[in-house]
N, C-alpha and C. Protein backbone atom coordinates (compact mmCIF):
# COMPACT_ATOMS: atom_id res chain seq x y z
N MET A 1 9.70 11.17 -4.80
CA MET A 1 9.79 10.63 -3.28
C MET A 1 10.95 9.62 -3.40
N ASN A 2 11.83 9.77 -2.26
CA ASN A 2 12.95 8.88 -2.18
C ASN A 2 13.26 8.99 -0.65
N ILE A 3 12.63 8.07 0.26
CA ILE A 3 12.74 7.96 1.56
C ILE A 3 13.63 6.77 2.01
N LYS A 4 14.59 7.13 2.72
CA LYS A 4 15.64 6.01 3.15
C LYS A 4 15.64 5.93 4.67
N TYR A 5 15.62 4.67 5.14
CA TYR A 5 15.62 4.43 6.55
C TYR A 5 16.39 3.02 6.72
N ASP A 6 17.55 2.96 7.49
CA ASP A 6 18.27 1.70 7.65
C ASP A 6 18.42 1.22 6.20
N GLN A 7 18.06 -0.05 6.01
CA GLN A 7 18.20 -0.67 4.78
C GLN A 7 16.99 -0.67 3.89
N LEU A 8 16.11 0.16 4.27
CA LEU A 8 14.84 0.34 3.40
C LEU A 8 14.82 1.52 2.68
N CYS A 9 14.22 1.47 1.45
CA CYS A 9 14.01 2.70 0.63
C CYS A 9 12.60 2.74 0.07
N ILE A 10 11.93 3.74 0.08
CA ILE A 10 10.66 3.97 -0.66
C ILE A 10 10.93 4.98 -1.72
N ARG A 11 10.80 4.59 -3.06
CA ARG A 11 11.00 5.63 -4.17
C ARG A 11 10.04 5.52 -5.04
N ASN A 12 9.93 6.57 -5.88
CA ASN A 12 8.89 6.69 -7.05
C ASN A 12 9.01 5.37 -7.96
N ALA A 13 8.04 4.81 -8.44
CA ALA A 13 7.99 3.83 -9.45
C ALA A 13 8.49 4.58 -10.62
N GLU A 14 9.34 3.77 -11.42
CA GLU A 14 9.75 4.26 -12.80
C GLU A 14 9.52 3.37 -13.88
N LYS A 15 9.89 3.84 -15.14
CA LYS A 15 9.59 2.96 -16.27
C LYS A 15 10.28 1.55 -15.95
N LYS A 16 11.48 1.57 -15.32
CA LYS A 16 12.23 0.29 -15.23
C LYS A 16 11.57 -0.77 -14.32
N ASP A 17 10.59 -0.30 -13.44
CA ASP A 17 9.76 -1.13 -12.59
C ASP A 17 8.63 -1.67 -13.15
N CYS A 18 8.13 -1.31 -14.35
CA CYS A 18 6.87 -1.81 -14.84
C CYS A 18 6.77 -3.31 -15.18
N GLU A 19 8.04 -3.79 -15.36
CA GLU A 19 7.91 -5.40 -15.86
C GLU A 19 7.70 -6.01 -14.44
N GLN A 20 8.45 -5.65 -13.31
CA GLN A 20 8.33 -6.20 -12.09
C GLN A 20 6.86 -5.99 -11.48
N LEU A 21 6.28 -4.77 -11.68
CA LEU A 21 4.91 -4.67 -11.23
C LEU A 21 3.97 -5.48 -11.96
N ALA A 22 4.20 -5.52 -13.32
CA ALA A 22 3.28 -6.49 -14.06
C ALA A 22 3.39 -7.93 -13.53
N LYS A 23 4.54 -8.53 -13.22
CA LYS A 23 4.87 -9.88 -12.59
C LYS A 23 4.01 -9.84 -11.48
N TRP A 24 4.06 -8.92 -10.53
CA TRP A 24 3.25 -9.03 -9.23
C TRP A 24 1.84 -9.03 -9.47
N TRP A 25 1.39 -8.02 -10.16
CA TRP A 25 0.11 -7.71 -10.48
C TRP A 25 -0.69 -8.95 -11.21
N ASN A 26 0.16 -9.73 -11.95
CA ASN A 26 -0.56 -10.75 -12.69
C ASN A 26 -0.35 -12.09 -11.87
N ASP A 27 0.15 -12.06 -10.78
CA ASP A 27 0.21 -13.28 -9.93
C ASP A 27 -0.90 -13.28 -8.84
N GLY A 28 -1.76 -14.35 -9.14
CA GLY A 28 -2.75 -14.42 -8.19
C GLY A 28 -2.71 -14.60 -6.75
N LYS A 29 -1.44 -15.24 -6.62
CA LYS A 29 -1.14 -15.40 -5.15
C LYS A 29 -0.92 -14.11 -4.28
N VAL A 30 -0.17 -13.15 -5.21
CA VAL A 30 0.11 -11.99 -4.65
C VAL A 30 -1.14 -10.97 -4.59
N MET A 31 -2.00 -11.06 -5.46
CA MET A 31 -3.15 -10.18 -5.84
C MET A 31 -4.41 -10.76 -4.95
N ALA A 32 -4.54 -12.08 -4.48
CA ALA A 32 -5.82 -12.65 -3.91
C ALA A 32 -6.26 -11.76 -2.83
N HIS A 33 -5.56 -11.27 -1.95
CA HIS A 33 -6.04 -10.56 -0.78
C HIS A 33 -6.79 -9.26 -1.45
N ALA A 34 -6.55 -8.86 -2.54
CA ALA A 34 -7.05 -7.53 -3.09
C ALA A 34 -8.28 -7.88 -4.02
N GLY A 35 -8.55 -9.30 -4.11
CA GLY A 35 -9.81 -9.67 -4.73
C GLY A 35 -9.40 -10.14 -6.25
N PHE A 36 -8.25 -10.35 -6.62
CA PHE A 36 -7.81 -10.73 -7.96
C PHE A 36 -6.96 -12.05 -7.86
N PRO A 37 -7.64 -13.18 -7.44
CA PRO A 37 -7.00 -14.42 -7.33
C PRO A 37 -6.46 -15.01 -8.62
N ASN A 38 -6.82 -14.46 -9.79
CA ASN A 38 -6.46 -14.69 -11.13
C ASN A 38 -5.30 -13.66 -11.60
N GLY A 39 -4.95 -12.86 -10.84
CA GLY A 39 -4.15 -11.69 -11.18
C GLY A 39 -4.83 -10.61 -11.97
N LEU A 40 -4.11 -9.51 -12.42
CA LEU A 40 -4.96 -8.51 -13.11
C LEU A 40 -4.79 -8.77 -14.66
N GLY A 41 -4.01 -9.47 -15.18
CA GLY A 41 -3.90 -9.61 -16.62
C GLY A 41 -3.57 -8.28 -17.35
N THR A 42 -2.48 -7.57 -16.75
CA THR A 42 -2.09 -6.28 -17.29
C THR A 42 -0.67 -6.36 -17.88
N THR A 43 -0.24 -5.56 -18.54
CA THR A 43 1.06 -5.44 -19.13
C THR A 43 1.99 -4.38 -18.52
N ALA A 44 3.20 -4.55 -18.77
CA ALA A 44 4.17 -3.48 -18.42
C ALA A 44 3.84 -2.21 -19.12
N THR A 45 3.39 -2.38 -20.24
CA THR A 45 3.18 -0.98 -21.04
C THR A 45 1.94 -0.43 -20.41
N GLU A 46 0.95 -1.10 -20.15
CA GLU A 46 -0.22 -0.29 -19.52
C GLU A 46 0.13 0.23 -18.17
N ILE A 47 0.92 -0.36 -17.47
CA ILE A 47 1.46 0.10 -16.14
C ILE A 47 2.16 1.60 -16.32
N GLU A 48 3.13 1.40 -17.37
CA GLU A 48 3.94 2.47 -17.62
C GLU A 48 2.99 3.83 -17.96
N LYS A 49 2.00 3.45 -18.77
CA LYS A 49 0.94 4.56 -19.05
C LYS A 49 0.29 5.33 -17.92
N GLN A 50 0.18 4.38 -16.85
CA GLN A 50 -0.45 4.78 -15.66
C GLN A 50 0.51 5.65 -14.82
N ILE A 51 1.74 5.24 -14.52
CA ILE A 51 2.68 5.83 -13.69
C ILE A 51 3.28 7.04 -14.29
N VAL A 52 3.14 7.19 -15.74
CA VAL A 52 3.80 8.52 -16.16
C VAL A 52 3.11 9.86 -15.92
N ASN A 53 1.85 9.66 -15.41
CA ASN A 53 1.06 10.85 -14.91
C ASN A 53 1.15 10.98 -13.37
N ASP A 54 1.98 10.13 -12.71
CA ASP A 54 2.01 10.27 -11.29
C ASP A 54 2.47 11.58 -10.87
N SER A 55 2.02 12.11 -9.58
CA SER A 55 2.65 13.28 -9.06
C SER A 55 2.27 13.26 -7.59
N ASP A 56 3.02 14.14 -6.76
CA ASP A 56 2.71 14.16 -5.42
C ASP A 56 1.43 14.78 -5.18
N GLU A 57 0.99 15.56 -6.12
CA GLU A 57 -0.23 16.29 -5.75
C GLU A 57 -1.40 15.51 -6.20
N THR A 58 -1.49 14.33 -6.90
CA THR A 58 -2.54 13.60 -7.30
C THR A 58 -2.48 12.08 -6.71
N ARG A 59 -1.52 11.53 -7.30
CA ARG A 59 -1.26 10.07 -6.83
C ARG A 59 0.09 9.54 -7.27
N ARG A 60 0.57 8.60 -6.36
CA ARG A 60 1.94 8.24 -6.73
C ARG A 60 2.00 6.69 -6.45
N ARG A 61 2.66 5.98 -7.31
CA ARG A 61 3.00 4.63 -7.07
C ARG A 61 4.44 4.55 -6.63
N LEU A 62 4.72 3.72 -5.76
CA LEU A 62 5.96 3.67 -5.02
C LEU A 62 6.58 2.28 -4.89
N MET A 63 7.85 2.08 -5.01
CA MET A 63 8.63 0.82 -4.79
C MET A 63 9.13 0.86 -3.42
N ILE A 64 9.06 -0.47 -2.86
CA ILE A 64 9.75 -0.72 -1.63
C ILE A 64 11.02 -1.56 -1.93
N VAL A 65 12.08 -1.09 -1.52
CA VAL A 65 13.38 -1.62 -1.69
C VAL A 65 13.98 -1.99 -0.32
N TYR A 66 14.37 -3.12 -0.19
CA TYR A 66 15.11 -3.67 0.97
C TYR A 66 16.30 -4.37 0.65
N LYS A 67 17.47 -3.75 1.22
CA LYS A 67 18.79 -4.28 1.03
C LYS A 67 19.02 -4.38 -0.66
N ASN A 68 18.69 -3.39 -1.32
CA ASN A 68 18.88 -3.25 -2.85
C ASN A 68 18.03 -4.20 -3.50
N THR A 69 16.87 -4.92 -3.07
CA THR A 69 16.03 -5.79 -3.62
C THR A 69 14.70 -5.26 -3.66
N LEU A 70 14.07 -5.32 -4.84
CA LEU A 70 12.52 -4.70 -4.74
C LEU A 70 11.63 -5.95 -4.17
N ILE A 71 10.89 -5.48 -3.01
CA ILE A 71 10.03 -6.42 -2.18
C ILE A 71 8.56 -6.21 -2.40
N GLY A 72 8.27 -5.09 -2.76
CA GLY A 72 6.96 -4.66 -2.78
C GLY A 72 6.53 -3.32 -3.43
N GLU A 73 5.39 -3.01 -3.23
CA GLU A 73 4.91 -1.56 -3.83
C GLU A 73 3.96 -0.92 -2.74
N MET A 74 3.93 0.48 -2.97
CA MET A 74 3.08 1.05 -2.03
C MET A 74 2.40 2.31 -2.95
N SER A 75 1.30 2.90 -2.70
CA SER A 75 0.74 3.99 -3.27
C SER A 75 0.19 5.04 -2.36
N PHE A 76 -0.15 6.16 -2.87
CA PHE A 76 -0.78 7.17 -2.23
C PHE A 76 -1.87 7.90 -3.27
N TYR A 77 -2.97 8.28 -2.89
CA TYR A 77 -3.80 9.07 -3.70
C TYR A 77 -4.24 10.28 -2.86
N VAL A 78 -4.36 11.50 -3.44
CA VAL A 78 -4.49 12.78 -2.77
C VAL A 78 -6.15 13.15 -2.97
N TYR A 79 -6.63 13.30 -1.93
CA TYR A 79 -8.21 13.88 -2.16
C TYR A 79 -8.41 15.23 -1.49
N GLU A 80 -9.53 15.72 -1.61
CA GLU A 80 -9.80 17.11 -1.01
C GLU A 80 -9.58 17.04 0.28
N ASN A 81 -9.23 18.23 0.94
CA ASN A 81 -9.22 18.58 2.39
C ASN A 81 -8.08 17.78 2.99
N ALA A 82 -6.89 17.60 2.29
CA ALA A 82 -5.75 17.03 2.63
C ALA A 82 -5.92 15.54 3.19
N LYS A 83 -6.79 14.80 2.47
CA LYS A 83 -6.96 13.37 2.78
C LYS A 83 -6.29 12.74 1.81
N TYR A 84 -5.50 11.54 2.32
CA TYR A 84 -4.66 10.55 1.50
C TYR A 84 -5.05 9.19 1.73
N GLU A 85 -5.38 8.58 0.63
CA GLU A 85 -5.47 7.08 0.76
C GLU A 85 -4.22 6.40 0.39
N ILE A 86 -3.95 5.42 1.03
CA ILE A 86 -2.60 4.64 0.87
C ILE A 86 -2.92 3.07 0.71
N GLY A 87 -1.82 2.57 0.13
CA GLY A 87 -1.97 0.89 -0.12
C GLY A 87 -0.63 0.57 0.02
N ILE A 88 -0.51 -0.71 0.34
CA ILE A 88 0.87 -1.41 0.57
C ILE A 88 0.56 -2.86 0.10
N LYS A 89 1.75 -3.40 -0.45
CA LYS A 89 1.68 -4.83 -0.66
C LYS A 89 3.31 -5.40 -0.49
N ILE A 90 3.46 -6.15 0.39
CA ILE A 90 4.95 -6.77 0.37
C ILE A 90 4.66 -7.79 -0.62
N CYS A 91 5.17 -7.86 -1.80
CA CYS A 91 4.88 -8.91 -2.82
C CYS A 91 5.71 -10.05 -2.79
N GLU A 92 7.01 -10.06 -2.23
CA GLU A 92 7.89 -11.07 -2.18
C GLU A 92 7.65 -11.80 -0.75
N PHE A 93 7.15 -12.94 -0.92
CA PHE A 93 6.61 -13.70 0.23
C PHE A 93 7.84 -13.85 1.31
N ASP A 94 8.96 -14.01 0.91
CA ASP A 94 10.08 -14.17 1.87
C ASP A 94 10.42 -13.06 2.86
N TYR A 95 9.86 -11.86 2.40
CA TYR A 95 9.97 -10.74 3.15
C TYR A 95 8.69 -10.34 3.92
N GLN A 96 7.74 -11.06 3.82
CA GLN A 96 6.46 -10.97 4.89
C GLN A 96 6.75 -11.36 6.18
N GLU A 97 5.81 -10.87 7.07
CA GLU A 97 6.07 -11.22 8.61
C GLU A 97 7.41 -11.10 9.06
N LYS A 98 8.05 -9.97 8.49
CA LYS A 98 9.43 -9.77 9.09
C LYS A 98 9.27 -8.36 9.81
N GLY A 99 8.19 -7.56 9.82
CA GLY A 99 8.07 -6.27 10.57
C GLY A 99 8.52 -5.28 9.62
N LEU A 100 8.61 -5.57 8.36
CA LEU A 100 9.04 -4.62 7.46
C LEU A 100 7.85 -3.66 7.02
N GLY A 101 6.69 -4.31 7.00
CA GLY A 101 5.51 -3.61 6.71
C GLY A 101 5.22 -2.27 7.43
N LYS A 102 5.30 -2.54 8.90
CA LYS A 102 5.06 -1.41 9.79
C LYS A 102 6.09 -0.24 9.67
N ILE A 103 7.36 -0.83 9.24
CA ILE A 103 8.32 0.25 9.19
C ILE A 103 8.14 1.14 8.07
N VAL A 104 7.75 0.46 6.81
CA VAL A 104 7.68 1.17 5.53
C VAL A 104 6.41 2.01 5.63
N LEU A 105 5.47 1.36 6.29
CA LEU A 105 4.24 2.23 6.49
C LEU A 105 4.52 3.52 7.20
N SER A 106 5.35 3.35 8.31
CA SER A 106 5.72 4.43 9.19
C SER A 106 6.44 5.53 8.35
N MET A 107 7.40 5.15 7.58
CA MET A 107 8.01 6.03 6.54
C MET A 107 7.26 6.86 5.74
N LEU A 108 6.16 6.07 5.15
CA LEU A 108 5.46 6.89 4.19
C LEU A 108 4.53 7.74 4.84
N ILE A 109 3.93 7.21 6.00
CA ILE A 109 3.06 8.20 6.83
C ILE A 109 3.58 9.34 7.39
N GLU A 110 4.94 9.27 7.76
CA GLU A 110 5.46 10.24 8.42
C GLU A 110 5.65 11.31 7.32
N GLU A 111 6.07 10.81 6.03
CA GLU A 111 6.43 11.83 4.88
C GLU A 111 5.03 12.56 4.26
N LEU A 112 3.94 11.73 4.42
CA LEU A 112 2.57 12.33 3.93
C LEU A 112 2.23 13.30 4.96
N PHE A 113 2.40 13.16 6.19
CA PHE A 113 2.04 14.23 7.25
C PHE A 113 2.93 15.41 7.09
N HIS A 114 4.16 15.21 6.74
CA HIS A 114 5.18 16.24 6.52
C HIS A 114 4.58 17.10 5.19
N MET A 115 4.07 16.31 4.20
CA MET A 115 3.54 17.00 2.92
C MET A 115 2.21 17.69 3.32
N GLY A 116 1.51 17.66 4.36
CA GLY A 116 0.45 18.35 4.55
C GLY A 116 -0.87 17.48 4.84
N ALA A 117 -0.86 16.15 4.94
CA ALA A 117 -1.79 15.30 5.06
C ALA A 117 -2.46 15.52 6.46
N GLN A 118 -3.87 15.78 6.52
CA GLN A 118 -4.39 15.78 7.68
C GLN A 118 -5.23 14.45 8.13
N LEU A 119 -5.50 13.73 7.17
CA LEU A 119 -6.16 12.41 7.47
C LEU A 119 -5.45 11.54 6.39
N ILE A 120 -5.33 10.24 7.06
CA ILE A 120 -4.71 9.12 6.00
C ILE A 120 -5.70 8.03 6.13
N PHE A 121 -6.26 7.38 5.07
CA PHE A 121 -7.08 6.42 5.26
C PHE A 121 -6.83 5.14 4.22
N LEU A 122 -7.45 4.23 4.53
CA LEU A 122 -7.34 2.88 3.88
C LEU A 122 -8.30 1.93 4.16
N ASP A 123 -8.47 0.87 3.30
CA ASP A 123 -9.26 -0.10 3.49
C ASP A 123 -8.55 -1.43 3.19
N THR A 124 -9.13 -2.59 3.96
CA THR A 124 -8.47 -3.95 3.67
C THR A 124 -9.48 -4.91 3.71
N ASN A 125 -9.38 -6.17 3.14
CA ASN A 125 -10.26 -7.24 3.38
C ASN A 125 -10.39 -7.65 4.70
N LEU A 126 -11.54 -7.85 5.02
CA LEU A 126 -11.90 -8.26 6.49
C LEU A 126 -11.19 -9.52 6.96
N ASN A 127 -10.86 -10.45 6.11
CA ASN A 127 -10.17 -11.55 6.41
C ASN A 127 -8.58 -11.38 6.60
N ASN A 128 -8.21 -10.16 6.11
CA ASN A 128 -6.68 -9.90 6.28
C ASN A 128 -6.41 -9.29 7.67
N THR A 129 -6.39 -10.30 8.71
CA THR A 129 -6.20 -9.78 9.85
C THR A 129 -4.79 -9.56 10.34
N ARG A 130 -3.81 -10.05 9.54
CA ARG A 130 -2.49 -9.76 9.60
C ARG A 130 -2.35 -8.27 9.40
N ALA A 131 -2.83 -7.66 8.19
CA ALA A 131 -2.81 -6.29 7.95
C ALA A 131 -3.46 -5.56 9.01
N GLN A 132 -4.64 -5.81 9.41
CA GLN A 132 -5.47 -5.08 10.43
C GLN A 132 -4.60 -4.90 11.63
N HIS A 133 -3.91 -5.98 11.94
CA HIS A 133 -2.94 -5.85 13.34
C HIS A 133 -2.02 -4.78 13.12
N VAL A 134 -1.39 -4.76 11.90
CA VAL A 134 -0.33 -3.67 11.72
C VAL A 134 -0.97 -2.37 11.68
N TYR A 135 -2.05 -2.15 11.06
CA TYR A 135 -2.69 -0.93 11.00
C TYR A 135 -3.11 -0.28 12.27
N GLU A 136 -3.65 -1.21 13.02
CA GLU A 136 -4.02 -0.75 14.46
C GLU A 136 -2.89 -0.42 15.30
N LYS A 137 -1.68 -1.23 15.28
CA LYS A 137 -0.52 -0.86 15.97
C LYS A 137 0.02 0.52 15.53
N LEU A 138 -0.13 0.92 14.28
CA LEU A 138 0.40 2.26 13.77
C LEU A 138 -0.61 3.44 14.26
N GLY A 139 -1.71 3.10 14.83
CA GLY A 139 -2.72 4.06 15.33
C GLY A 139 -3.98 4.29 14.58
N PHE A 140 -4.06 3.43 13.51
CA PHE A 140 -5.31 3.59 12.57
C PHE A 140 -6.53 3.31 13.50
N LYS A 141 -7.63 3.86 13.27
CA LYS A 141 -8.90 3.49 13.94
C LYS A 141 -9.86 2.93 13.04
N ARG A 142 -10.44 1.88 13.46
CA ARG A 142 -11.43 1.16 12.52
C ARG A 142 -12.81 2.05 12.55
N ILE A 143 -13.29 2.45 11.35
CA ILE A 143 -14.27 3.24 11.25
C ILE A 143 -15.60 2.70 10.69
N ALA A 144 -15.33 1.58 9.94
CA ALA A 144 -16.60 0.98 9.33
C ALA A 144 -16.29 -0.43 8.81
N ILE A 145 -17.19 -1.39 8.83
CA ILE A 145 -17.03 -2.69 8.19
C ILE A 145 -18.22 -2.80 7.14
N HIS A 146 -17.83 -3.20 6.07
CA HIS A 146 -18.77 -3.47 4.86
C HIS A 146 -18.95 -4.88 4.60
N CYS A 147 -19.80 -5.52 5.04
CA CYS A 147 -20.09 -6.96 4.88
C CYS A 147 -20.63 -7.23 3.53
N ASP A 148 -19.97 -8.07 2.96
CA ASP A 148 -20.42 -8.79 1.54
C ASP A 148 -20.73 -7.56 0.61
N SER A 149 -19.73 -6.65 0.74
CA SER A 149 -20.02 -5.44 -0.25
C SER A 149 -19.32 -5.56 -1.62
N TRP A 150 -18.80 -6.69 -1.92
CA TRP A 150 -18.25 -6.79 -3.32
C TRP A 150 -17.93 -8.35 -3.56
N LYS A 151 -17.66 -8.50 -4.92
CA LYS A 151 -17.31 -9.89 -5.23
C LYS A 151 -15.90 -10.01 -5.82
N ASN A 152 -15.12 -10.89 -5.49
CA ASN A 152 -13.78 -11.02 -6.16
C ASN A 152 -14.07 -11.83 -7.51
N GLN A 153 -12.89 -11.89 -8.15
CA GLN A 153 -12.93 -12.43 -9.55
C GLN A 153 -13.51 -13.67 -9.69
N LEU A 154 -13.58 -14.46 -8.62
CA LEU A 154 -14.24 -15.77 -8.58
C LEU A 154 -15.78 -15.71 -8.18
N GLY A 155 -16.26 -14.57 -7.98
CA GLY A 155 -17.69 -14.32 -7.58
C GLY A 155 -18.09 -14.44 -6.25
N GLU A 156 -16.97 -14.67 -5.39
CA GLU A 156 -17.09 -14.91 -3.94
C GLU A 156 -17.21 -13.43 -3.24
N LEU A 157 -18.36 -13.44 -2.46
CA LEU A 157 -18.64 -12.24 -1.66
C LEU A 157 -17.54 -11.95 -0.71
N GLN A 158 -17.00 -10.62 -0.75
CA GLN A 158 -15.93 -10.30 0.23
C GLN A 158 -16.47 -9.03 1.08
N SER A 159 -15.90 -8.94 2.25
CA SER A 159 -16.12 -7.87 3.16
C SER A 159 -14.82 -7.02 3.39
N THR A 160 -15.00 -5.75 3.64
CA THR A 160 -13.87 -4.83 3.87
C THR A 160 -14.06 -4.11 5.16
N VAL A 161 -12.94 -3.64 5.65
CA VAL A 161 -12.86 -2.77 6.82
C VAL A 161 -12.22 -1.45 6.52
N ASP A 162 -12.84 -0.30 6.90
CA ASP A 162 -12.09 0.96 6.55
C ASP A 162 -11.53 1.47 7.85
N TYR A 163 -10.29 2.10 7.61
CA TYR A 163 -9.47 2.73 8.66
C TYR A 163 -9.12 4.15 8.44
N GLU A 164 -8.88 4.96 9.53
CA GLU A 164 -8.35 6.31 9.34
C GLU A 164 -7.48 6.52 10.35
N LEU A 165 -6.41 7.61 10.02
CA LEU A 165 -5.33 7.78 10.90
C LEU A 165 -5.23 9.43 10.89
N THR A 166 -4.98 9.90 11.99
CA THR A 166 -4.77 11.40 12.25
C THR A 166 -3.25 11.45 12.77
N LYS A 167 -2.71 12.62 12.53
CA LYS A 167 -1.14 12.77 12.99
C LYS A 167 -1.21 12.43 14.50
N GLY A 168 -2.12 12.87 15.22
CA GLY A 168 -2.09 12.71 16.76
C GLY A 168 -2.15 11.22 17.13
N ASP A 169 -2.87 10.37 16.41
CA ASP A 169 -2.73 8.99 16.73
C ASP A 169 -1.67 8.11 16.09
N PHE A 170 -0.81 8.69 15.37
CA PHE A 170 0.17 7.97 14.66
C PHE A 170 1.15 7.45 15.65
N CYS A 171 1.56 6.18 15.68
CA CYS A 171 2.53 5.49 16.30
C CYS A 171 3.56 5.10 15.41
N ASN A 172 4.74 5.85 15.28
CA ASN A 172 5.86 5.68 14.30
C ASN A 172 6.72 4.52 14.72
N PHE A 173 6.74 3.51 13.98
CA PHE A 173 7.70 2.43 14.22
C PHE A 173 8.98 2.61 13.54
N LYS A 174 9.34 3.56 12.95
CA LYS A 174 10.60 3.89 12.23
C LYS A 174 11.52 4.17 13.43
N ASN A 175 11.10 4.84 14.51
CA ASN A 175 12.13 5.22 15.34
C ASN A 175 12.31 4.26 16.65
N ARG A 176 11.69 3.03 16.52
CA ARG A 176 11.78 2.08 17.48
C ARG A 176 12.73 0.96 17.59
């Protein structure tokens, strides 16, 4: 995958990206929202072993590039009946809250529907209201809340919210 729009690019993660991914994944500030305030404790070698098996038919780790700078990552997982789960992290804090998330999500979602997705879904921490606002602007529908359903690395109970998106509900911010 190599999707370009304006000064943004979403491309497949490659071996050369593994050091950067390890840096982000081991940073508790970047990973706290995902339940890992101490980071993942992973290595570039371990990440490389994961991405070598990526494919558009199963799962794919993607890099977000803005003005030739790596700013974050995305992923998608393919399930039965053309259902796709997605994830996103703008990992570089200087690029958060600039409107880039809804544009790169639009780029990815548009491509996944073009690839045959019938339903796109995701979940997020219930406390992550900024992300929920973006997902709802894109047309995602809140389908469930799971209160105190898991514990983060510090043993603190966390709640999540599930979202789903169909092609007919998609509001594409790429073209605005």
